[in-house]
Amino acid sequence: MKVVAAYLLAVLGGNAKPCADDLKGILGSVGADCDDGKIDLLLSEVEGKDITELIASGREKLASVPSGGGGAVAVAATGGGGAAAAPAAAEPKKEEKVEEKEESDDDMGFSLFD
C-alpha cells in the first residue's frame, strides 16, 4: 500500500510517470522501507496507463465487493435506482444476538492499570 501511496503522491506532485528512484525518495523521506520487487511490480502494472482511468476502474471493482452494508450497497451500486434497492429493502434484516460472557476474575481482583 505504501508503494501505491508513494506513486499517487508523485503523480499528484506533477510527475506523470514516476520512476523507481522517485518512489524510493518519497518513501525514504518518511523513513519507510521499500522493497524493490514491489516497486518494480507496481511500475510494470501501471506502465502506459492513465492514473484516472485506473482509479475509475478500481472504484467499479470496489462497488461490486460486498461490504456487509445490506441495502445501502445496492443503492450505491445502482446509482440510486429504485429497482434494485426495493428487493433489498423488502427482506427483513436477520440479526443474531450474541450473548456476552461475564468477565472472569482470572486476575484475582487486580487490573493491569490499577
C-alpha atoms as a PDB file:
ATOM      1  CA  MET A   1       0.000   0.000   0.000  1.00  0.00           C
ATOM      2  CA  LYS A   2       2.794   2.404   0.806  1.00  0.00           C
ATOM      3  CA  VAL A   3       4.290   1.924  -2.664  1.00  0.00           C
ATOM      4  CA  VAL A   4       0.922   2.738  -4.239  1.00  0.00           C
ATOM      5  CA  ALA A   5       0.577   5.764  -1.965  1.00  0.00           C
ATOM      6  CA  ALA A   6       4.052   6.954  -2.943  1.00  0.00           C
ATOM      7  CA  TYR A   7       3.165   6.538  -6.626  1.00  0.00           C
ATOM      8  CA  LEU A   8      -0.035   8.538  -6.191  1.00  0.00           C
ATOM      9  CA  LEU A   9       1.816  11.256  -4.284  1.00  0.00           C
ATOM     10  CA  ALA A  10       4.353  11.518  -7.102  1.00  0.00           C
ATOM     11  CA  VAL A  11       1.576  11.806  -9.688  1.00  0.00           C
ATOM     12  CA  LEU A  12      -0.271  14.402  -7.604  1.00  0.00           C
ATOM     13  CA  GLY A  13       3.004  16.304  -7.285  1.00  0.00           C
ATOM     14  CA  GLY A  14       3.141  16.704 -11.053  1.00  0.00           C
ATOM     15  CA  ASN A  15       5.288  13.736 -12.071  1.00  0.00           C
ATOM     16  CA  ALA A  16       3.117  11.943 -14.641  1.00  0.00           C
ATOM     17  CA  LYS A  17       5.486   8.973 -14.923  1.00  0.00           C
ATOM     18  CA  PRO A  18       7.381   8.428 -11.667  1.00  0.00           C
ATOM     19  CA  CYS A  19      10.328   6.034 -11.736  1.00  0.00           C
ATOM     20  CA  ALA A  20      11.607   3.687  -9.035  1.00  0.00           C
ATOM     21  CA  ASP A  21      14.030   6.314  -7.736  1.00  0.00           C
ATOM     22  CA  ASP A  22      11.165   8.797  -7.314  1.00  0.00           C
ATOM     23  CA  LEU A  23       9.185   6.300  -5.247  1.00  0.00           C
ATOM     24  CA  LYS A  24      12.231   5.358  -3.173  1.00  0.00           C
ATOM     25  CA  GLY A  25      12.845   9.047  -2.495  1.00  0.00           C
ATOM     26  CA  ILE A  26       9.287   9.598  -1.307  1.00  0.00           C
ATOM     27  CA  LEU A  27       9.314   6.506   0.906  1.00  0.00           C
ATOM     28  CA  GLY A  28      12.777   7.293   2.216  1.00  0.00           C
ATOM     29  CA  SER A  29      11.753  10.823   3.155  1.00  0.00           C
ATOM     30  CA  VAL A  30       9.369   9.442   5.764  1.00  0.00           C
ATOM     31  CA  GLY A  31      11.668   6.648   6.882  1.00  0.00           C
ATOM     32  CA  ALA A  32       9.671   3.846   5.277  1.00  0.00           C
ATOM     33  CA  ASP A  33      11.403   0.746   3.996  1.00  0.00           C
ATOM     34  CA  CYS A  34      10.750  -0.158   0.397  1.00  0.00           C
ATOM     35  CA  ASP A  35      11.004  -3.437  -1.447  1.00  0.00           C
ATOM     36  CA  ASP A  36      12.421  -3.102  -4.960  1.00  0.00           C
ATOM     37  CA  GLY A  37      10.320  -6.029  -6.141  1.00  0.00           C
ATOM     38  CA  LYS A  38       7.075  -4.337  -5.121  1.00  0.00           C
ATOM     39  CA  ILE A  39       8.113  -1.074  -6.756  1.00  0.00           C
ATOM     40  CA  ASP A  40       9.041  -2.851  -9.988  1.00  0.00           C
ATOM     41  CA  LEU A  41       5.750  -4.792  -9.947  1.00  0.00           C
ATOM     42  CA  LEU A  42       3.706  -1.640  -9.488  1.00  0.00           C
ATOM     43  CA  LEU A  43       5.563   0.257 -12.193  1.00  0.00           C
ATOM     44  CA  SER A  44       5.155  -2.627 -14.647  1.00  0.00           C
ATOM     45  CA  GLU A  45       1.402  -2.821 -13.924  1.00  0.00           C
ATOM     46  CA  VAL A  46       0.739   0.894 -14.400  1.00  0.00           C
ATOM     47  CA  GLU A  47       3.070   1.400 -17.364  1.00  0.00           C
ATOM     48  CA  GLY A  48       1.258   3.095 -20.233  1.00  0.00           C
ATOM     49  CA  LYS A  49      -1.981   3.536 -18.266  1.00  0.00           C
ATOM     50  CA  ASP A  50      -3.704   6.736 -17.197  1.00  0.00           C
ATOM     51  CA  ILE A  51      -3.997   7.072 -13.424  1.00  0.00           C
ATOM     52  CA  THR A  52      -7.536   8.496 -13.569  1.00  0.00           C
ATOM     53  CA  GLU A  53      -8.698   5.500 -15.611  1.00  0.00           C
ATOM     54  CA  LEU A  54      -7.057   3.133 -13.135  1.00  0.00           C
ATOM     55  CA  ILE A  55      -8.814   4.818 -10.220  1.00  0.00           C
ATOM     56  CA  ALA A  56     -12.157   4.726 -12.042  1.00  0.00           C
ATOM     57  CA  SER A  57     -11.844   1.006 -12.815  1.00  0.00           C
ATOM     58  CA  GLY A  58     -10.838   0.376  -9.194  1.00  0.00           C
ATOM     59  CA  ARG A  59     -13.953   2.150  -7.964  1.00  0.00           C
ATOM     60  CA  GLU A  60     -16.109  -0.019 -10.215  1.00  0.00           C
ATOM     61  CA  LYS A  61     -14.492  -3.143  -8.807  1.00  0.00           C
ATOM     62  CA  LEU A  62     -14.928  -1.937  -5.222  1.00  0.00           C
ATOM     63  CA  ALA A  63     -18.600  -1.174  -5.826  1.00  0.00           C
ATOM     64  CA  SER A  64     -19.234  -4.861  -6.518  1.00  0.00           C
ATOM     65  CA  VAL A  65     -17.498  -6.060  -3.342  1.00  0.00           C
ATOM     66  CA  PRO A  66     -19.963  -6.908  -0.569  1.00  0.00           C
ATOM     67  CA  SER A  67     -19.201  -4.864   2.499  1.00  0.00           C
ATOM     68  CA  GLY A  68     -21.914  -6.031   4.853  1.00  0.00           C
ATOM     69  CA  GLY A  69     -23.945  -2.865   4.453  1.00  0.00           C
ATOM     70  CA  GLY A  70     -27.037  -4.593   3.103  1.00  0.00           C
ATOM     71  CA  GLY A  71     -29.376  -2.379   1.091  1.00  0.00           C
ATOM     72  CA  ALA A  72     -27.069   0.643   1.070  1.00  0.00           C
ATOM     73  CA  VAL A  73     -24.606  -1.154  -1.191  1.00  0.00           C
ATOM     74  CA  ALA A  74     -27.344  -1.972  -3.678  1.00  0.00           C
ATOM     75  CA  VAL A  75     -28.441   1.667  -3.758  1.00  0.00           C
ATOM     76  CA  ALA A  76     -24.885   2.919  -4.200  1.00  0.00           C
ATOM     77  CA  ALA A  77     -24.084   0.382  -6.914  1.00  0.00           C
ATOM     78  CA  THR A  78     -27.192   1.201  -8.944  1.00  0.00           C
ATOM     79  CA  GLY A  79     -26.817   4.941  -8.637  1.00  0.00           C
ATOM     80  CA  GLY A  80     -29.956   5.326  -6.559  1.00  0.00           C
ATOM     81  CA  GLY A  81     -32.285   3.441  -8.902  1.00  0.00           C
ATOM     82  CA  GLY A  82     -35.229   2.008  -7.036  1.00  0.00           C
ATOM     83  CA  ALA A  83     -35.439  -1.268  -8.969  1.00  0.00           C
ATOM     84  CA  ALA A  84     -32.501  -2.980  -7.293  1.00  0.00           C
ATOM     85  CA  ALA A  85     -32.960  -1.294  -3.925  1.00  0.00           C
ATOM     86  CA  ALA A  86     -36.562  -2.444  -3.437  1.00  0.00           C
ATOM     87  CA  PRO A  87     -35.825  -6.196  -3.041  1.00  0.00           C
ATOM     88  CA  ALA A  88     -33.018  -5.496  -0.611  1.00  0.00           C
ATOM     89  CA  ALA A  89     -35.253  -3.262   1.493  1.00  0.00           C
ATOM     90  CA  ALA A  90     -38.125  -5.764   1.424  1.00  0.00           C
ATOM     91  CA  GLU A  91     -36.080  -8.510   3.071  1.00  0.00           C
ATOM     92  CA  PRO A  92     -36.195  -8.318   6.859  1.00  0.00           C
ATOM     93  CA  LYS A  93     -32.815  -7.994   8.435  1.00  0.00           C
ATOM     94  CA  LYS A  94     -31.871 -11.071  10.429  1.00  0.00           C
ATOM     95  CA  GLU A  95     -29.877 -10.190  13.489  1.00  0.00           C
ATOM     96  CA  GLU A  96     -28.230 -12.742  15.671  1.00  0.00           C
ATOM     97  CA  LYS A  97     -27.978 -11.950  19.323  1.00  0.00           C
ATOM     98  CA  VAL A  98     -24.617 -12.745  20.758  1.00  0.00           C
ATOM     99  CA  GLU A  99     -24.565 -13.168  24.489  1.00  0.00           C
ATOM    100  CA  GLU A 100     -21.583 -11.607  26.148  1.00  0.00           C
ATOM    101  CA  LYS A 101     -19.767 -13.731  28.659  1.00  0.00           C
ATOM    102  CA  GLU A 102     -19.250 -12.278  32.068  1.00  0.00           C
ATOM    103  CA  GLU A 103     -15.724 -11.259  32.807  1.00  0.00           C
ATOM    104  CA  SER A 104     -13.916 -13.839  34.852  1.00  0.00           C
ATOM    105  CA  ASP A 105     -11.904 -12.934  37.866  1.00  0.00           C
ATOM    106  CA  ASP A 106      -8.725 -14.518  36.469  1.00  0.00           C
ATOM    107  CA  ASP A 107      -6.645 -11.553  37.573  1.00  0.00           C
ATOM    108  CA  MET A 108      -7.782 -12.081  41.183  1.00  0.00           C
ATOM    109  CA  GLY A 109      -9.188  -8.593  41.519  1.00  0.00           C
ATOM    110  CA  PHE A 110      -6.128  -6.762  40.253  1.00  0.00           C
ATOM    111  CA  SER A 111      -6.112  -4.919  36.980  1.00  0.00           C
ATOM    112  CA  LEU A 112      -3.114  -4.035  34.883  1.00  0.00           C
ATOM    113  CA  PHE A 113      -3.895  -0.338  35.300  1.00  0.00           C
ATOM    114  CA  ASP A 114      -4.867  -0.234  38.997  1.00  0.00           C
END
